Each structure stands twice: as C-alpha cells, then as structure tokens.
Amino acid sequence: MNRNFANPEAPNNNIIIDGTLWGKNYRNNEMATGDHNKKIILGDIYAVQMGHFATVKVCSNFNLALRSTDPYMPSEVGLTGHKRSFYPYTSLSSLGSYKIPESFLINSGLNKTVDEKYNIECPDVPAIKNNFSTRVLYSDISVKNSFTNGYRIFRDLHYQDYSSAHGELVSLIEKAGDIFCTFEHATGYLAVSASQLAAD
C-alpha cells in the first residue's frame, strides 16, 4: 500500500504555495460553511511530501523476484522522467515526480505475447516441394558385362512420390520380385512394372 496523494489535476506538484491556509481555513463540523474550505489551495494539499507504506507477506503464484519496472506508460515517462517502479528497487521519495502508481509488472520476460501479423503475397505458382521423405528413386537397369554400372546411374525423372498420410518412408524390402515398404504408421506394397521385371 502506497498513499502518495496523487491527483489528476496536480500529479507532479511538490511546491507548497501557502502553508498557512490549511490551518486557518479548515473546518470539519456541521456548522461550518463551504466558504472556509474554498480558501484552501487544493494543490498545496497534494504537494505535501509525505505518505505511508505497508509491507506484508502473502502466498502468491507469481515469482516476485521477477518483478520489474513498467515502461508501458510513455505519457507518464515523458511527464515525470522515469518509469513506474517499486520499493526497494528504487528508493523512497516524496517528490512530486514520484506521485505515480507503483509497478505491478510481474514475470514480464515469461509472458506470452503475439507478434504483429504480416501478410506476405505469394506468387501464383505451384508450391515448392522440399520434403522428400516419401520419394522412391530407382536406377538404370543393370546390364551384365557392361562398361557402366547401371545401379549407380539415376536419371532426373526416375522417381516416384507417394502419399505422406501414413508418415515418412522407413524401409523398403524386396521379396520374390515385389517391393514392400514400411511407413511410420502403415505398411504398403509398391508395384513393379512388367517391363522392368522382364528386362532385369
């Protein structure tokens, strides 16, 4: 609790114009008229350099060790010259520039915030494929007594992309001329064309 006598009409006042008007004109009884109270300069009341503070221990889910100053009030920073803070991080002061609420910004570094949204215009072209986890490549046919090894020659269009609905392709197993494949969440059978089988 911090009572600092802040008022929107005189938020930064710390100069008392006439300190005797309060004692001469204050009346706190039913018989008093409003004329005496009107003679009191209200700015002098808010300029009194005093306040009272109370510190209590409470159980909280917030880590008070991560309490920080509040820089999200730029109008107050421009008016007073400093951010909202708290004791004992900053020393106590009764000056008028410190008559602003204290900072209750807790765990500011851990708070989740959403960044600004950016709309990026994409060209009207097919999507660029950069995931080849379900692509099967095949080489040229191996010819016996050949100068080149066909198993090491892969043509540009000698591949087949399969659906990734069952995850990535894990392994290929050949059994009696057939190819069985294992995906992350399923198994499958890859057909081999008759022309490839006849030529192999």
Protein backbone atom coordinates (compact mmCIF):
# COMPACT_ATOMS: atom_id res chain seq x y z
CA MET A 1 0.00 0.00 0.00
CA ASN A 2 1.41 3.36 -1.01
CA ARG A 3 -0.54 6.52 -0.30
CA ASN A 4 1.14 9.24 -2.30
CA PHE A 5 -1.74 11.73 -2.65
CA ALA A 6 -1.79 11.53 -6.45
CA ASN A 7 -4.41 13.66 -8.17
CA PRO A 8 -5.05 14.05 -11.91
CA GLU A 9 -5.31 17.83 -11.50
CA ALA A 10 -1.88 18.16 -9.91
CA PRO A 11 0.02 14.91 -10.47
CA ASN A 12 3.55 16.28 -10.13
CA ASN A 13 3.12 19.17 -7.74
CA ASN A 14 5.58 19.30 -4.83
CA ILE A 15 5.68 23.05 -4.17
CA ILE A 16 3.51 24.47 -1.36
CA ILE A 17 2.37 28.00 -2.22
CA ASP A 18 0.96 28.98 1.17
CA GLY A 19 1.29 26.55 4.04
CA THR A 20 -0.88 28.59 6.44
CA LEU A 21 -4.16 28.42 4.51
CA TRP A 22 -4.89 24.88 5.62
CA GLY A 23 -4.65 25.60 9.33
CA LYS A 24 -6.60 28.86 9.14
CA ASN A 25 -9.50 27.75 6.97
CA TYR A 26 -10.10 24.04 7.51
CA ARG A 27 -13.43 23.29 9.23
CA ASN A 28 -14.65 19.79 9.94
CA ASN A 29 -18.01 20.27 11.62
CA GLU A 30 -21.60 20.52 10.54
CA MET A 31 -21.89 24.23 11.36
CA ALA A 32 -19.04 25.19 9.03
CA THR A 33 -19.88 26.68 5.66
CA GLY A 34 -18.07 25.94 2.45
CA ASP A 35 -16.51 29.38 2.28
CA HIS A 36 -13.59 28.46 4.52
CA ASN A 37 -12.76 25.27 2.62
CA LYS A 38 -12.82 27.14 -0.69
CA LYS A 39 -9.97 29.33 0.52
CA ILE A 40 -7.66 26.34 0.81
CA ILE A 41 -5.42 25.79 -2.22
CA LEU A 42 -6.02 22.19 -3.24
CA GLY A 43 -2.60 21.96 -4.88
CA ASP A 44 -0.94 22.56 -1.51
CA ILE A 45 -2.67 19.51 -0.08
CA TYR A 46 -1.38 17.28 -2.85
CA ALA A 47 2.08 18.79 -2.58
CA VAL A 48 2.64 17.55 0.97
CA GLN A 49 5.78 15.41 0.88
CA MET A 50 4.60 12.52 2.94
CA GLY A 51 2.97 9.13 2.60
CA HIS A 52 2.65 5.82 4.33
CA PHE A 53 3.69 2.36 3.26
CA ALA A 54 2.83 -1.11 4.50
CA THR A 55 4.68 -4.34 3.65
CA VAL A 56 3.02 -7.70 4.22
CA LYS A 57 3.94 -11.28 3.32
CA VAL A 58 1.47 -13.15 1.14
CA CYS A 59 1.43 -16.51 -0.62
CA SER A 60 1.41 -15.95 -4.38
CA ASN A 61 1.72 -17.91 -7.60
CA PHE A 62 3.86 -15.14 -9.07
CA ASN A 63 7.58 -15.02 -8.53
CA LEU A 64 8.05 -11.59 -7.05
CA ALA A 65 11.78 -11.85 -7.68
CA LEU A 66 10.97 -11.25 -11.35
CA ARG A 67 9.13 -8.00 -10.71
CA SER A 68 10.30 -5.23 -12.99
CA THR A 69 9.72 -1.61 -13.82
CA ASP A 70 6.77 -0.79 -16.07
CA PRO A 71 7.84 1.00 -19.27
CA TYR A 72 4.38 0.74 -20.89
CA MET A 73 3.22 4.20 -19.79
CA PRO A 74 5.08 6.53 -22.17
CA SER A 75 2.94 9.51 -21.22
CA GLU A 76 3.97 9.17 -17.57
CA VAL A 77 7.61 8.62 -18.52
CA GLY A 78 7.55 11.81 -20.58
CA LEU A 79 5.85 13.73 -17.78
CA THR A 80 7.84 12.51 -14.78
CA GLY A 81 11.11 11.42 -16.36
CA HIS A 82 11.11 7.85 -15.02
CA LYS A 83 9.17 4.61 -15.31
CA ARG A 84 6.82 3.12 -12.77
CA SER A 85 8.90 1.33 -10.20
CA PHE A 86 8.63 -0.16 -6.74
CA TYR A 87 10.36 -0.22 -3.38
CA PRO A 88 13.06 -1.38 -2.61
CA TYR A 89 14.20 -1.44 -6.24
CA THR A 90 14.09 2.34 -6.21
CA SER A 91 14.50 4.41 -3.08
CA LEU A 92 11.55 6.14 -1.46
CA SER A 93 10.98 9.72 -2.46
CA SER A 94 8.32 12.26 -1.65
CA LEU A 95 8.99 14.44 -4.68
CA GLY A 96 6.12 15.28 -6.96
CA SER A 97 7.56 13.37 -9.92
CA TYR A 98 7.22 10.14 -7.95
CA LYS A 99 3.48 10.57 -7.34
CA ILE A 100 2.56 7.86 -9.80
CA PRO A 101 1.34 4.32 -9.10
CA GLU A 102 3.98 1.72 -8.46
CA SER A 103 4.77 -1.04 -10.93
CA PHE A 104 2.92 -4.34 -10.67
CA LEU A 105 4.56 -5.85 -13.74
CA ILE A 106 5.30 -9.46 -12.77
CA ASN A 107 7.22 -12.00 -14.87
CA SER A 108 7.31 -9.76 -17.93
CA GLY A 109 10.00 -11.89 -19.53
CA LEU A 110 7.88 -15.03 -19.26
CA ASN A 111 4.60 -13.61 -20.54
CA LYS A 112 3.46 -14.95 -23.88
CA THR A 113 2.78 -12.26 -26.42
CA VAL A 114 1.68 -12.49 -30.02
CA ASP A 115 3.78 -10.69 -32.59
CA GLU A 116 2.37 -8.49 -35.29
CA LYS A 117 0.71 -10.23 -38.20
CA TYR A 118 2.40 -9.92 -41.57
CA ASN A 119 0.62 -10.77 -44.82
CA ILE A 120 3.13 -11.90 -47.42
CA GLU A 121 1.95 -12.01 -51.01
CA CYS A 122 2.80 -15.36 -52.60
CA PRO A 123 3.22 -15.70 -56.37
CA ASP A 124 0.67 -17.75 -58.28
CA VAL A 125 2.98 -20.71 -58.90
CA PRO A 126 2.92 -24.33 -57.73
CA ALA A 127 4.29 -24.99 -54.27
CA ILE A 128 7.98 -25.66 -53.99
CA LYS A 129 8.47 -29.23 -52.82
CA ASN A 130 11.14 -29.53 -50.17
CA ASN A 131 10.03 -32.68 -48.32
CA PHE A 132 11.21 -35.92 -49.95
CA SER A 133 10.51 -38.32 -47.09
CA THR A 134 8.19 -40.49 -49.24
CA ARG A 135 10.13 -40.40 -52.52
CA VAL A 136 11.45 -43.63 -54.06
CA LEU A 137 14.31 -43.32 -56.55
CA TYR A 138 15.31 -46.07 -58.92
CA SER A 139 18.41 -46.51 -61.04
CA ASP A 140 19.02 -47.67 -64.56
CA ILE A 141 18.82 -51.34 -65.42
CA SER A 142 22.00 -53.23 -64.73
CA VAL A 143 23.40 -54.87 -67.87
CA LYS A 144 25.87 -57.73 -67.44
CA ASN A 145 29.37 -57.27 -68.87
CA SER A 146 28.67 -53.54 -69.38
CA PHE A 147 31.25 -50.81 -69.13
CA THR A 148 28.98 -48.76 -66.77
CA ASN A 149 27.23 -49.91 -63.66
CA GLY A 150 23.51 -49.21 -64.13
CA TYR A 151 22.87 -49.42 -60.39
CA ARG A 152 24.83 -46.19 -59.94
CA ILE A 153 23.06 -44.13 -62.60
CA PHE A 154 19.93 -42.25 -61.53
CA ARG A 155 18.02 -40.26 -64.12
CA ASP A 156 16.24 -36.99 -63.38
CA LEU A 157 12.75 -38.42 -63.74
CA HIS A 158 13.41 -41.86 -62.26
CA TYR A 159 11.48 -41.36 -59.03
CA GLN A 160 8.01 -41.75 -57.60
CA ASP A 161 6.45 -39.68 -54.76
CA TYR A 162 3.92 -41.42 -52.55
CA SER A 163 1.38 -40.02 -50.11
CA SER A 164 2.63 -38.88 -46.72
CA ALA A 165 -0.71 -39.60 -45.00
CA HIS A 166 0.90 -42.51 -43.10
CA GLY A 167 4.15 -40.76 -42.22
CA GLU A 168 7.62 -40.94 -43.69
CA LEU A 169 9.00 -43.90 -45.60
CA VAL A 170 11.12 -46.01 -43.24
CA SER A 171 12.34 -49.03 -45.24
CA LEU A 172 11.98 -50.97 -48.50
CA ILE A 173 12.06 -54.79 -48.59
CA GLU A 174 12.28 -56.89 -51.76
CA LYS A 175 10.57 -60.28 -51.69
CA ALA A 176 10.20 -62.50 -54.80
CA GLY A 177 10.37 -59.55 -57.16
CA ASP A 178 7.88 -57.46 -55.19
CA ILE A 179 8.71 -54.41 -53.09
CA PHE A 180 7.15 -53.98 -49.68
CA CYS A 181 7.53 -50.63 -47.94
CA THR A 182 7.22 -49.61 -44.32
CA PHE A 183 5.89 -46.20 -43.37
CA GLU A 184 5.83 -44.74 -39.88
CA HIS A 185 2.19 -45.74 -39.33
CA ALA A 186 1.47 -48.30 -42.04
CA THR A 187 2.91 -50.83 -44.50
CA GLY A 188 2.45 -50.90 -48.23
CA TYR A 189 3.14 -52.68 -51.49
CA LEU A 190 4.89 -50.95 -54.40
CA ALA A 191 4.05 -52.35 -57.81
CA VAL A 192 6.93 -53.01 -60.17
CA SER A 193 6.13 -52.68 -63.85
CA ALA A 194 6.24 -55.77 -66.04
CA SER A 195 8.73 -54.17 -68.41
CA GLN A 196 11.20 -53.64 -65.58
CA LEU A 197 10.80 -57.24 -64.41
CA ALA A 198 11.26 -58.61 -67.92
CA ALA A 199 14.35 -56.54 -68.57
CA ASP A 200 16.04 -57.21 -65.22
